[in-house]
Amino acid sequence: MTIGKIESDGTVRNSSNMKIGSFDRNNVIRDASNMKAGSIDGSIIRDKNNMKIGSIESNGTVRDASNMKIGSVESNGTVRDGSNMKIGSVEGVNQTYAAVFYFFNLFNH
């Protein structure tokens, strides 16, 4: 089942192809109303209040704000949960964007 997609321009769409947000060139995460929902600061993912909500390591491991592993995004686009079960795929998409989309509830999808 597809829960949505991230387009090459950073637009995020749900499974009904409706725009639910975007990633801009300044690494700001925006909701469907173009309001700031969060940001990406290197490997750190922050909410709209600039609080750290997680991170993604260079090997694709995704961690929550408490540094607990909650999943991974593999280089081939496979997305796995914290139990290593495949939950999706995102071929050709920035790993950090994929982590934000799958693991941090900044978009309503």
PDB file of N, CA and C in Angstrom:
ATOM      1  N   MET A   1       0.838  -1.192   0.000  1.00  0.00           N
ATOM      2  CA  MET A   1       0.000   0.000   0.000  1.00  0.00           C
ATOM      3  C   MET A   1       0.874   1.243   0.000  1.00  0.00           C
ATOM      4  N   THR A   2       0.578   2.168  -0.865  1.00  0.00           N
ATOM      5  CA  THR A   2       1.307   3.428  -0.941  1.00  0.00           C
ATOM      6  C   THR A   2       0.633   4.440  -0.024  1.00  0.00           C
ATOM      7  N   ILE A   3       1.444   5.088   0.835  1.00  0.00           N
ATOM      8  CA  ILE A   3       0.862   6.121   1.693  1.00  0.00           C
ATOM      9  C   ILE A   3       1.075   7.509   1.119  1.00  0.00           C
ATOM     10  N   GLY A   4       1.850   7.583   0.058  1.00  0.00           N
ATOM     11  CA  GLY A   4       2.077   8.862  -0.577  1.00  0.00           C
ATOM     12  C   GLY A   4       3.390   8.873  -1.320  1.00  0.00           C
ATOM     13  N   LYS A   5       3.806  10.088  -1.708  1.00  0.00           N
ATOM     14  CA  LYS A   5       5.055  10.204  -2.444  1.00  0.00           C
ATOM     15  C   LYS A   5       5.676  11.570  -2.211  1.00  0.00           C
ATOM     16  N   ILE A   6       6.975  11.612  -2.464  1.00  0.00           N
ATOM     17  CA  ILE A   6       7.729  12.852  -2.404  1.00  0.00           C
ATOM     18  C   ILE A   6       8.242  13.106  -3.812  1.00  0.00           C
ATOM     19  N   GLU A   7       7.843  14.222  -4.393  1.00  0.00           N
ATOM     20  CA  GLU A   7       8.238  14.540  -5.754  1.00  0.00           C
ATOM     21  C   GLU A   7       9.627  15.187  -5.776  1.00  0.00           C
ATOM     22  N   SER A   8      10.237  15.223  -6.946  1.00  0.00           N
ATOM     23  CA  SER A   8      11.603  15.732  -7.074  1.00  0.00           C
ATOM     24  C   SER A   8      11.740  17.197  -6.656  1.00  0.00           C
ATOM     25  N   ASP A   9      10.659  17.974  -6.714  1.00  0.00           N
ATOM     26  CA  ASP A   9      10.718  19.376  -6.301  1.00  0.00           C
ATOM     27  C   ASP A   9      10.456  19.562  -4.808  1.00  0.00           C
ATOM     28  N   GLY A  10      10.279  18.440  -4.064  1.00  0.00           N
ATOM     29  CA  GLY A  10      10.048  18.509  -2.626  1.00  0.00           C
ATOM     30  C   GLY A  10       8.589  18.482  -2.225  1.00  0.00           C
ATOM     31  N   THR A  11       7.665  18.488  -3.181  1.00  0.00           N
ATOM     32  CA  THR A  11       6.240  18.413  -2.871  1.00  0.00           C
ATOM     33  C   THR A  11       5.912  17.035  -2.308  1.00  0.00           C
ATOM     34  N   VAL A  12       5.129  17.006  -1.233  1.00  0.00           N
ATOM     35  CA  VAL A  12       4.718  15.749  -0.598  1.00  0.00           C
ATOM     36  C   VAL A  12       3.229  15.558  -0.854  1.00  0.00           C
ATOM     37  N   ARG A  13       2.877  14.378  -1.361  1.00  0.00           N
ATOM     38  CA  ARG A  13       1.480  14.065  -1.675  1.00  0.00           C
ATOM     39  C   ARG A  13       1.050  12.816  -0.928  1.00  0.00           C
ATOM     40  N   ASN A  14      -0.241  12.762  -0.555  1.00  0.00           N
ATOM     41  CA  ASN A  14      -0.778  11.568   0.096  1.00  0.00           C
ATOM     42  C   ASN A  14      -1.189  10.542  -0.957  1.00  0.00           C
ATOM     43  N   SER A  15      -1.764   9.435  -0.519  1.00  0.00           N
ATOM     44  CA  SER A  15      -2.133   8.360  -1.447  1.00  0.00           C
ATOM     45  C   SER A  15      -3.240   8.768  -2.415  1.00  0.00           C
ATOM     46  N   SER A  16      -3.971   9.849  -2.116  1.00  0.00           N
ATOM     47  CA  SER A  16      -4.993  10.376  -3.023  1.00  0.00           C
ATOM     48  C   SER A  16      -4.431  11.447  -3.954  1.00  0.00           C
ATOM     49  N   ASN A  17      -3.107  11.619  -3.920  1.00  0.00           N
ATOM     50  CA  ASN A  17      -2.383  12.579  -4.749  1.00  0.00           C
ATOM     51  C   ASN A  17      -2.649  14.032  -4.357  1.00  0.00           C
ATOM     52  N   MET A  18      -3.153  14.262  -3.149  1.00  0.00           N
ATOM     53  CA  MET A  18      -3.360  15.624  -2.657  1.00  0.00           C
ATOM     54  C   MET A  18      -2.079  16.117  -2.003  1.00  0.00           C
ATOM     55  N   LYS A  19      -1.726  17.384  -2.241  1.00  0.00           N
ATOM     56  CA  LYS A  19      -0.544  17.959  -1.606  1.00  0.00           C
ATOM     57  C   LYS A  19      -0.785  18.083  -0.110  1.00  0.00           C
ATOM     58  N   ILE A  20       0.144  17.504   0.680  1.00  0.00           N
ATOM     59  CA  ILE A  20       0.032  17.580   2.143  1.00  0.00           C
ATOM     60  C   ILE A  20       1.192  18.346   2.755  1.00  0.00           C
ATOM     61  N   GLY A  21       2.129  18.774   1.915  1.00  0.00           N
ATOM     62  CA  GLY A  21       3.263  19.533   2.428  1.00  0.00           C
ATOM     63  C   GLY A  21       4.388  19.589   1.426  1.00  0.00           C
ATOM     64  N   SER A  22       5.520  20.088   1.912  1.00  0.00           N
ATOM     65  CA  SER A  22       6.684  20.188   1.036  1.00  0.00           C
ATOM     66  C   SER A  22       7.955  20.383   1.851  1.00  0.00           C
ATOM     67  N   PHE A  23       9.061  20.155   1.175  1.00  0.00           N
ATOM     68  CA  PHE A  23      10.389  20.470   1.682  1.00  0.00           C
ATOM     69  C   PHE A  23      10.908  21.594   0.801  1.00  0.00           C
ATOM     70  N   ASP A  24      11.346  22.717   1.395  1.00  0.00           N
ATOM     71  CA  ASP A  24      11.849  23.789   0.541  1.00  0.00           C
ATOM     72  C   ASP A  24      13.377  23.763   0.451  1.00  0.00           C
ATOM     73  N   ARG A  25      13.931  24.648  -0.342  1.00  0.00           N
ATOM     74  CA  ARG A  25      15.384  24.667  -0.584  1.00  0.00           C
ATOM     75  C   ARG A  25      16.189  25.007   0.660  1.00  0.00           C
ATOM     76  N   ASN A  26      15.559  25.585   1.664  1.00  0.00           N
ATOM     77  CA  ASN A  26      16.245  25.953   2.902  1.00  0.00           C
ATOM     78  C   ASN A  26      16.068  24.903   3.987  1.00  0.00           C
ATOM     79  N   ASN A  27      15.630  23.699   3.588  1.00  0.00           N
ATOM     80  CA  ASN A  27      15.399  22.582   4.508  1.00  0.00           C
ATOM     81  C   ASN A  27      14.298  22.852   5.525  1.00  0.00           C
ATOM     82  N   VAL A  28      13.358  23.712   5.163  1.00  0.00           N
ATOM     83  CA  VAL A  28      12.176  23.935   5.985  1.00  0.00           C
ATOM     84  C   VAL A  28      11.097  22.962   5.510  1.00  0.00           C
ATOM     85  N   ILE A  29      10.448  22.321   6.451  1.00  0.00           N
ATOM     86  CA  ILE A  29       9.348  21.395   6.171  1.00  0.00           C
ATOM     87  C   ILE A  29       8.061  22.190   6.312  1.00  0.00           C
ATOM     88  N   ARG A  30       7.230  22.178   5.271  1.00  0.00           N
ATOM     89  CA  ARG A  30       6.002  22.971   5.275  1.00  0.00           C
ATOM     90  C   ARG A  30       4.786  22.072   5.161  1.00  0.00           C
ATOM     91  N   ASP A  31       3.683  22.473   5.827  1.00  0.00           N
ATOM     92  CA  ASP A  31       2.444  21.709   5.733  1.00  0.00           C
ATOM     93  C   ASP A  31       1.669  22.122   4.481  1.00  0.00           C
ATOM     94  N   ALA A  32       0.476  21.594   4.308  1.00  0.00           N
ATOM     95  CA  ALA A  32      -0.324  21.865   3.109  1.00  0.00           C
ATOM     96  C   ALA A  32      -0.697  23.347   2.980  1.00  0.00           C
ATOM     97  N   SER A  33      -0.743  24.075   4.089  1.00  0.00           N
ATOM     98  CA  SER A  33      -1.057  25.508   4.069  1.00  0.00           C
ATOM     99  C   SER A  33       0.192  26.367   3.931  1.00  0.00           C
ATOM    100  N   ASN A  34       1.329  25.715   3.688  1.00  0.00           N
ATOM    101  CA  ASN A  34       2.627  26.368   3.530  1.00  0.00           C
ATOM    102  C   ASN A  34       3.155  26.966   4.832  1.00  0.00           C
ATOM    103  N   MET A  35       2.595  26.518   5.963  1.00  0.00           N
ATOM    104  CA  MET A  35       3.087  26.944   7.270  1.00  0.00           C
ATOM    105  C   MET A  35       4.251  26.046   7.671  1.00  0.00           C
ATOM    106  N   LYS A  36       5.204  26.593   8.412  1.00  0.00           N
ATOM    107  CA  LYS A  36       6.342  25.802   8.849  1.00  0.00           C
ATOM    108  C   LYS A  36       5.882  24.696   9.782  1.00  0.00           C
ATOM    109  N   ALA A  37       6.240  23.451   9.436  1.00  0.00           N
ATOM    110  CA  ALA A  37       5.921  22.290  10.270  1.00  0.00           C
ATOM    111  C   ALA A  37       7.163  21.766  10.969  1.00  0.00           C
ATOM    112  N   GLY A  38       8.328  22.142  10.469  1.00  0.00           N
ATOM    113  CA  GLY A  38       9.579  21.690  11.041  1.00  0.00           C
ATOM    114  C   GLY A  38      10.738  22.083  10.153  1.00  0.00           C
ATOM    115  N   SER A  39      11.907  21.509  10.462  1.00  0.00           N
ATOM    116  CA  SER A  39      13.089  21.807   9.658  1.00  0.00           C
ATOM    117  C   SER A  39      14.091  20.668   9.769  1.00  0.00           C
ATOM    118  N   ILE A  40      15.021  20.680   8.838  1.00  0.00           N
ATOM    119  CA  ILE A  40      16.105  19.709   8.833  1.00  0.00           C
ATOM    120  C   ILE A  40      17.393  20.507   9.003  1.00  0.00           C
ATOM    121  N   ASP A  41      18.146  20.166  10.043  1.00  0.00           N
ATOM    122  CA  ASP A  41      19.383  20.863  10.380  1.00  0.00           C
ATOM    123  C   ASP A  41      20.509  19.832  10.325  1.00  0.00           C
ATOM    124  N   GLY A  42      21.071  19.630   9.135  1.00  0.00           N
ATOM    125  CA  GLY A  42      22.064  18.562   8.959  1.00  0.00           C
ATOM    126  C   GLY A  42      21.375  17.224   9.092  1.00  0.00           C
ATOM    127  N   SER A  43      21.728  16.456  10.098  1.00  0.00           N
ATOM    128  CA  SER A  43      21.086  15.160  10.330  1.00  0.00           C
ATOM    129  C   SER A  43      19.973  15.246  11.363  1.00  0.00           C
ATOM    130  N   ILE A  44      19.751  16.429  11.933  1.00  0.00           N
ATOM    131  CA  ILE A  44      18.758  16.623  12.993  1.00  0.00           C
ATOM    132  C   ILE A  44      17.430  17.074  12.388  1.00  0.00           C
ATOM    133  N   ILE A  45      16.348  16.461  12.861  1.00  0.00           N
ATOM    134  CA  ILE A  45      15.003  16.822  12.425  1.00  0.00           C
ATOM    135  C   ILE A  45      14.331  17.556  13.586  1.00  0.00           C
ATOM    136  N   ARG A  46      13.808  18.749  13.303  1.00  0.00           N
ATOM    137  CA  ARG A  46      13.213  19.598  14.339  1.00  0.00           C
ATOM    138  C   ARG A  46      11.748  19.889  14.019  1.00  0.00           C
ATOM    139  N   ASP A  47      10.950  20.105  15.062  1.00  0.00           N
ATOM    140  CA  ASP A  47       9.553  20.475  14.848  1.00  0.00           C
ATOM    141  C   ASP A  47       9.462  21.978  14.604  1.00  0.00           C
ATOM    142  N   LYS A  48       8.245  22.497  14.487  1.00  0.00           N
ATOM    143  CA  LYS A  48       8.057  23.918  14.170  1.00  0.00           C
ATOM    144  C   LYS A  48       8.542  24.843  15.278  1.00  0.00           C
ATOM    145  N   ASN A  49       8.701  24.313  16.491  1.00  0.00           N
ATOM    146  CA  ASN A  49       9.203  25.102  17.613  1.00  0.00           C
ATOM    147  C   ASN A  49      10.708  24.957  17.793  1.00  0.00           C
ATOM    148  N   ASN A  50      11.360  24.345  16.808  1.00  0.00           N
ATOM    149  CA  ASN A  50      12.807  24.133  16.780  1.00  0.00           C
ATOM    150  C   ASN A  50      13.290  23.100  17.799  1.00  0.00           C
ATOM    151  N   MET A  51      12.372  22.279  18.305  1.00  0.00           N
ATOM    152  CA  MET A  51      12.749  21.211  19.236  1.00  0.00           C
ATOM    153  C   MET A  51      13.185  19.985  18.431  1.00  0.00           C
ATOM    154  N   LYS A  52      14.276  19.359  18.854  1.00  0.00           N
ATOM    155  CA  LYS A  52      14.743  18.145  18.181  1.00  0.00           C
ATOM    156  C   LYS A  52      13.717  17.035  18.396  1.00  0.00           C
ATOM    157  N   ILE A  53      13.258  16.435  17.282  1.00  0.00           N
ATOM    158  CA  ILE A  53      12.324  15.313  17.381  1.00  0.00           C
ATOM    159  C   ILE A  53      12.956  14.026  16.872  1.00  0.00           C
ATOM    160  N   GLY A  54      14.136  14.135  16.279  1.00  0.00           N
ATOM    161  CA  GLY A  54      14.811  12.941  15.811  1.00  0.00           C
ATOM    162  C   GLY A  54      16.007  13.267  14.949  1.00  0.00           C
ATOM    163  N   SER A  55      16.581  12.192  14.391  1.00  0.00           N
ATOM    164  CA  SER A  55      17.747  12.356  13.529  1.00  0.00           C
ATOM    165  C   SER A  55      17.853  11.168  12.588  1.00  0.00           C
ATOM    166  N   ILE A  56      18.651  11.349  11.545  1.00  0.00           N
ATOM    167  CA  ILE A  56      18.975  10.258  10.638  1.00  0.00           C
ATOM    168  C   ILE A  56      20.489  10.217  10.492  1.00  0.00           C
ATOM    169  N   GLU A  57      21.052   9.045  10.716  1.00  0.00           N
ATOM    170  CA  GLU A  57      22.495   8.875  10.623  1.00  0.00           C
ATOM    171  C   GLU A  57      22.903   8.643   9.170  1.00  0.00           C
ATOM    172  N   SER A  58      24.178   8.785   8.890  1.00  0.00           N
ATOM    173  CA  SER A  58      24.680   8.627   7.521  1.00  0.00           C
ATOM    174  C   SER A  58      24.424   7.227   6.962  1.00  0.00           C
ATOM    175  N   ASN A  59      24.254   6.235   7.828  1.00  0.00           N
ATOM    176  CA  ASN A  59      23.957   4.867   7.368  1.00  0.00           C
ATOM    177  C   ASN A  59      22.457   4.622   7.186  1.00  0.00           C
ATOM    178  N   GLY A  60      21.625   5.658   7.414  1.00  0.00           N
ATOM    179  CA  GLY A  60      20.189   5.544   7.222  1.00  0.00           C
ATOM    180  C   GLY A  60      19.394   5.212   8.474  1.00  0.00           C
ATOM    181  N   THR A  61      20.065   4.974   9.600  1.00  0.00           N
ATOM    182  CA  THR A  61      19.357   4.696  10.847  1.00  0.00           C
ATOM    183  C   THR A  61      18.605   5.947  11.302  1.00  0.00           C
ATOM    184  N   VAL A  62      17.336   5.763  11.648  1.00  0.00           N
ATOM    185  CA  VAL A  62      16.491   6.868  12.105  1.00  0.00           C
ATOM    186  C   VAL A  62      16.292   6.722  13.610  1.00  0.00           C
ATOM    187  N   ARG A  63      16.521   7.807  14.347  1.00  0.00           N
ATOM    188  CA  ARG A  63      16.395   7.801  15.807  1.00  0.00           C
ATOM    189  C   ARG A  63      15.410   8.883  16.252  1.00  0.00           C
ATOM    190  N   ASP A  64      14.726   8.618  17.352  1.00  0.00           N
ATOM    191  CA  ASP A  64      13.811   9.614  17.902  1.00  0.00           C
ATOM    192  C   ASP A  64      14.585  10.605  18.772  1.00  0.00           C
ATOM    193  N   ALA A  65      13.883  11.514  19.431  1.00  0.00           N
ATOM    194  CA  ALA A  65      14.526  12.542  20.240  1.00  0.00           C
ATOM    195  C   ALA A  65      15.292  11.962  21.423  1.00  0.00           C
ATOM    196  N   SER A  66      14.940  10.747  21.850  1.00  0.00           N
ATOM    197  CA  SER A  66      15.630  10.078  22.953  1.00  0.00           C
ATOM    198  C   SER A  66      16.783   9.210  22.467  1.00  0.00           C
ATOM    199  N   ASN A  67      17.084   9.304  21.184  1.00  0.00           N
ATOM    200  CA  ASN A  67      18.161   8.549  20.539  1.00  0.00           C
ATOM    201  C   ASN A  67      17.868   7.053  20.410  1.00  0.00           C
ATOM    202  N   MET A  68      16.607   6.677  20.505  1.00  0.00           N
ATOM    203  CA  MET A  68      16.213   5.281  20.307  1.00  0.00           C
ATOM    204  C   MET A  68      16.000   5.038  18.818  1.00  0.00           C
ATOM    205  N   LYS A  69      16.491   3.899  18.323  1.00  0.00           N
ATOM    206  CA  LYS A  69      16.298   3.562  16.918  1.00  0.00           C
ATOM    207  C   LYS A  69      14.820   3.281  16.670  1.00  0.00           C
ATOM    208  N   ILE A  70      14.245   3.983  15.685  1.00  0.00           N
ATOM    209  CA  ILE A  70      12.835   3.767  15.342  1.00  0.00           C
ATOM    210  C   ILE A  70      12.671   3.236  13.930  1.00  0.00           C
ATOM    211  N   GLY A  71      13.775   3.146  13.195  1.00  0.00           N
ATOM    212  CA  GLY A  71      13.694   2.607  11.852  1.00  0.00           C
ATOM    213  C   GLY A  71      14.926   2.922  11.050  1.00  0.00           C
ATOM    214  N   SER A  72      14.801   2.701   9.744  1.00  0.00           N
ATOM    215  CA  SER A  72      15.908   3.000   8.841  1.00  0.00           C
ATOM    216  C   SER A  72      15.395   3.252   7.434  1.00  0.00           C
ATOM    217  N   VAL A  73      16.204   3.977   6.677  1.00  0.00           N
ATOM    218  CA  VAL A  73      15.960   4.198   5.263  1.00  0.00           C
ATOM    219  C   VAL A  73      17.228   3.720   4.556  1.00  0.00           C
ATOM    220  N   GLU A  74      17.105   2.623   3.817  1.00  0.00           N
ATOM    221  CA  GLU A  74      18.262   2.041   3.159  1.00  0.00           C
ATOM    222  C   GLU A  74      18.602   2.792   1.876  1.00  0.00           C
ATOM    223  N   SER A  75      19.833   2.650   1.414  1.00  0.00           N
ATOM    224  CA  SER A  75      20.285   3.364   0.217  1.00  0.00           C
ATOM    225  C   SER A  75      19.493   2.984  -1.031  1.00  0.00           C
ATOM    226  N   ASN A  76      18.876   1.791  -1.049  1.00  0.00           N
ATOM    227  CA  ASN A  76      18.065   1.379  -2.199  1.00  0.00           C
ATOM    228  C   ASN A  76      16.632   1.886  -2.105  1.00  0.00           C
ATOM    229  N   GLY A  77      16.307   2.644  -1.039  1.00  0.00           N
ATOM    230  CA  GLY A  77      14.979   3.214  -0.878  1.00  0.00           C
ATOM    231  C   GLY A  77      14.048   2.434   0.025  1.00  0.00           C
ATOM    232  N   THR A  78      14.473   1.265   0.495  1.00  0.00           N
ATOM    233  CA  THR A  78      13.632   0.475   1.400  1.00  0.00           C
ATOM    234  C   THR A  78      13.555   1.155   2.763  1.00  0.00           C
ATOM    235  N   VAL A  79      12.335   1.275   3.288  1.00  0.00           N
ATOM    236  CA  VAL A  79      12.104   1.871   4.601  1.00  0.00           C
ATOM    237  C   VAL A  79      11.691   0.759   5.554  1.00  0.00           C
ATOM    238  N   ARG A  80      12.388   0.665   6.695  1.00  0.00           N
ATOM    239  CA  ARG A  80      12.112  -0.377   7.688  1.00  0.00           C
ATOM    240  C   ARG A  80      11.784   0.259   9.027  1.00  0.00           C
ATOM    241  N   ASP A  81      10.887  -0.386   9.777  1.00  0.00           N
ATOM    242  CA  ASP A  81      10.556   0.108  11.108  1.00  0.00           C
ATOM    243  C   ASP A  81      11.610  -0.342  12.113  1.00  0.00           C
ATOM    244  N   GLY A  82      11.406  -0.031  13.377  1.00  0.00           N
ATOM    245  CA  GLY A  82      12.354  -0.376  14.425  1.00  0.00           C
ATOM    246  C   GLY A  82      12.553  -1.862  14.625  1.00  0.00           C
ATOM    247  N   SER A  83      11.624  -2.675  14.134  1.00  0.00           N
ATOM    248  CA  SER A  83      11.742  -4.145  14.209  1.00  0.00           C
ATOM    249  C   SER A  83      12.319  -4.721  12.925  1.00  0.00           C
ATOM    250  N   ASN A  84      12.791  -3.854  12.045  1.00  0.00           N
ATOM    251  CA  ASN A  84      13.393  -4.226  10.766  1.00  0.00           C
ATOM    252  C   ASN A  84      12.395  -4.775   9.755  1.00  0.00           C
ATOM    253  N   MET A  85      11.113  -4.512   9.958  1.00  0.00           N
ATOM    254  CA  MET A  85      10.082  -4.925   9.005  1.00  0.00           C
ATOM    255  C   MET A  85       9.947  -3.845   7.935  1.00  0.00           C
ATOM    256  N   LYS A  86       9.839  -4.264   6.675  1.00  0.00           N
ATOM    257  CA  LYS A  86       9.680  -3.310   5.580  1.00  0.00           C
ATOM    258  C   LYS A  86       8.314  -2.640   5.698  1.00  0.00           C
ATOM    259  N   ILE A  87       8.322  -1.299   5.671  1.00  0.00           N
ATOM    260  CA  ILE A  87       7.064  -0.553   5.746  1.00  0.00           C
ATOM    261  C   ILE A  87       6.839   0.312   4.520  1.00  0.00           C
ATOM    262  N   GLY A  88       7.808   0.341   3.612  1.00  0.00           N
ATOM    263  CA  GLY A  88       7.633   1.120   2.402  1.00  0.00           C
ATOM    264  C   GLY A  88       8.904   1.218   1.604  1.00  0.00           C
ATOM    265  N   SER A  89       8.821   1.980   0.527  1.00  0.00           N
ATOM    266  CA  SER A  89      10.001   2.241  -0.288  1.00  0.00           C
ATOM    267  C   SER A  89       9.885   3.614  -0.916  1.00  0.00           C
ATOM    268  N   VAL A  90      11.023   4.220  -1.146  1.00  0.00           N
ATOM    269  CA  VAL A  90      11.075   5.592  -1.639  1.00  0.00           C
ATOM    270  C   VAL A  90      12.251   5.765  -2.592  1.00  0.00           C
ATOM    271  N   GLU A  91      12.272   5.003  -3.640  1.00  0.00           N
ATOM    272  CA  GLU A  91      13.389   5.039  -4.579  1.00  0.00           C
ATOM    273  C   GLU A  91      13.625   6.444  -5.120  1.00  0.00           C
ATOM    274  N   GLY A  92      14.896   6.831  -5.160  1.00  0.00           N
ATOM    275  CA  GLY A  92      15.274   8.101  -5.749  1.00  0.00           C
ATOM    276  C   GLY A  92      14.978   9.323  -4.903  1.00  0.00           C
ATOM    277  N   VAL A  93      14.633   9.133  -3.624  1.00  0.00           N
ATOM    278  CA  VAL A  93      14.280  10.247  -2.752  1.00  0.00           C
ATOM    279  C   VAL A  93      15.359  10.434  -1.693  1.00  0.00           C
ATOM    280  N   ASN A  94      15.647  11.666  -1.363  1.00  0.00           N
ATOM    281  CA  ASN A  94      16.559  12.006  -0.283  1.00  0.00           C
ATOM    282  C   ASN A  94      16.192  11.197   0.967  1.00  0.00           C
ATOM    283  N   GLN A  95      17.190  10.522   1.579  1.00  0.00           N
ATOM    284  CA  GLN A  95      16.925   9.674   2.745  1.00  0.00           C
ATOM    285  C   GLN A  95      16.322  10.453   3.909  1.00  0.00           C
ATOM    286  N   THR A  96      16.776  11.671   4.120  1.00  0.00           N
ATOM    287  CA  THR A  96      16.243  12.462   5.230  1.00  0.00           C
ATOM    288  C   THR A  96      14.780  12.808   4.991  1.00  0.00           C
ATOM    289  N   TYR A  97      14.430  13.182   3.760  1.00  0.00           N
ATOM    290  CA  TYR A  97      13.033  13.457   3.447  1.00  0.00           C
ATOM    291  C   TYR A  97      12.178  12.217   3.701  1.00  0.00           C
ATOM    292  N   ALA A  98      12.681  11.058   3.294  1.00  0.00           N
ATOM    293  CA  ALA A  98      11.944   9.811   3.504  1.00  0.00           C
ATOM    294  C   ALA A  98      11.752   9.547   4.990  1.00  0.00           C
ATOM    295  N   ALA A  99      12.780   9.805   5.797  1.00  0.00           N
ATOM    296  CA  ALA A  99      12.670   9.607   7.245  1.00  0.00           C
ATOM    297  C   ALA A  99      11.609  10.519   7.842  1.00  0.00           C
ATOM    298  N   VAL A 100      11.599  11.783   7.417  1.00  0.00           N
ATOM    299  CA  VAL A 100      10.594  12.731   7.916  1.00  0.00           C
ATOM    300  C   VAL A 100       9.198  12.245   7.546  1.00  0.00           C
ATOM    301  N   PHE A 101       9.028  11.816   6.308  1.00  0.00           N
ATOM    302  CA  PHE A 101       7.719  11.385   5.815  1.00  0.00           C
ATOM    303  C   PHE A 101       7.211  10.158   6.570  1.00  0.00           C
ATOM    304  N   TYR A 102       8.048   9.164   6.770  1.00  0.00           N
ATOM    305  CA  TYR A 102       7.607   7.907   7.376  1.00  0.00           C
ATOM    306  C   TYR A 102       7.593   7.907   8.905  1.00  0.00           C
ATOM    307  N   PHE A 103       8.528   8.604   9.550  1.00  0.00           N
ATOM    308  CA  PHE A 103       8.695   8.427  10.989  1.00  0.00           C
ATOM    309  C   PHE A 103       8.283   9.605  11.865  1.00  0.00           C
ATOM    310  N   PHE A 104       8.155  10.793  11.301  1.00  0.00           N
ATOM    311  CA  PHE A 104       7.825  11.959  12.106  1.00  0.00           C
ATOM    312  C   PHE A 104       6.545  12.575  11.570  1.00  0.00           C
ATOM    313  N   ASN A 105       5.552  12.707  12.411  1.00  0.00           N
ATOM    314  CA  ASN A 105       4.205  13.103  11.997  1.00  0.00           C
ATOM    315  C   ASN A 105       4.114  14.616  11.762  1.00  0.00           C
ATOM    316  N   LEU A 106       4.823  15.083  10.730  1.00  0.00           N
ATOM    317  CA  LEU A 106       4.777  16.506  10.404  1.00  0.00           C
ATOM    318  C   LEU A 106       3.814  16.791   9.260  1.00  0.00           C
ATOM    319  N   PHE A 107       3.358  15.734   8.583  1.00  0.00           N
ATOM    320  CA  PHE A 107       2.359  15.852   7.526  1.00  0.00           C
ATOM    321  C   PHE A 107       1.168  15.016   7.955  1.00  0.00           C
ATOM    322  N   ASN A 108      -0.013  15.445   7.583  1.00  0.00           N
ATOM    323  CA  ASN A 108      -1.201  14.630   7.835  1.00  0.00           C
ATOM    324  C   ASN A 108      -1.442  13.770   6.605  1.00  0.00           C
ATOM    325  N   HIS A 109      -0.979  12.519   6.646  1.00  0.00           N
ATOM    326  CA  HIS A 109      -1.201  11.626   5.519  1.00  0.00           C
ATOM    327  C   HIS A 109      -1.976  10.458   5.997  1.00  0.00           C
TER     328      HIS A 109
END
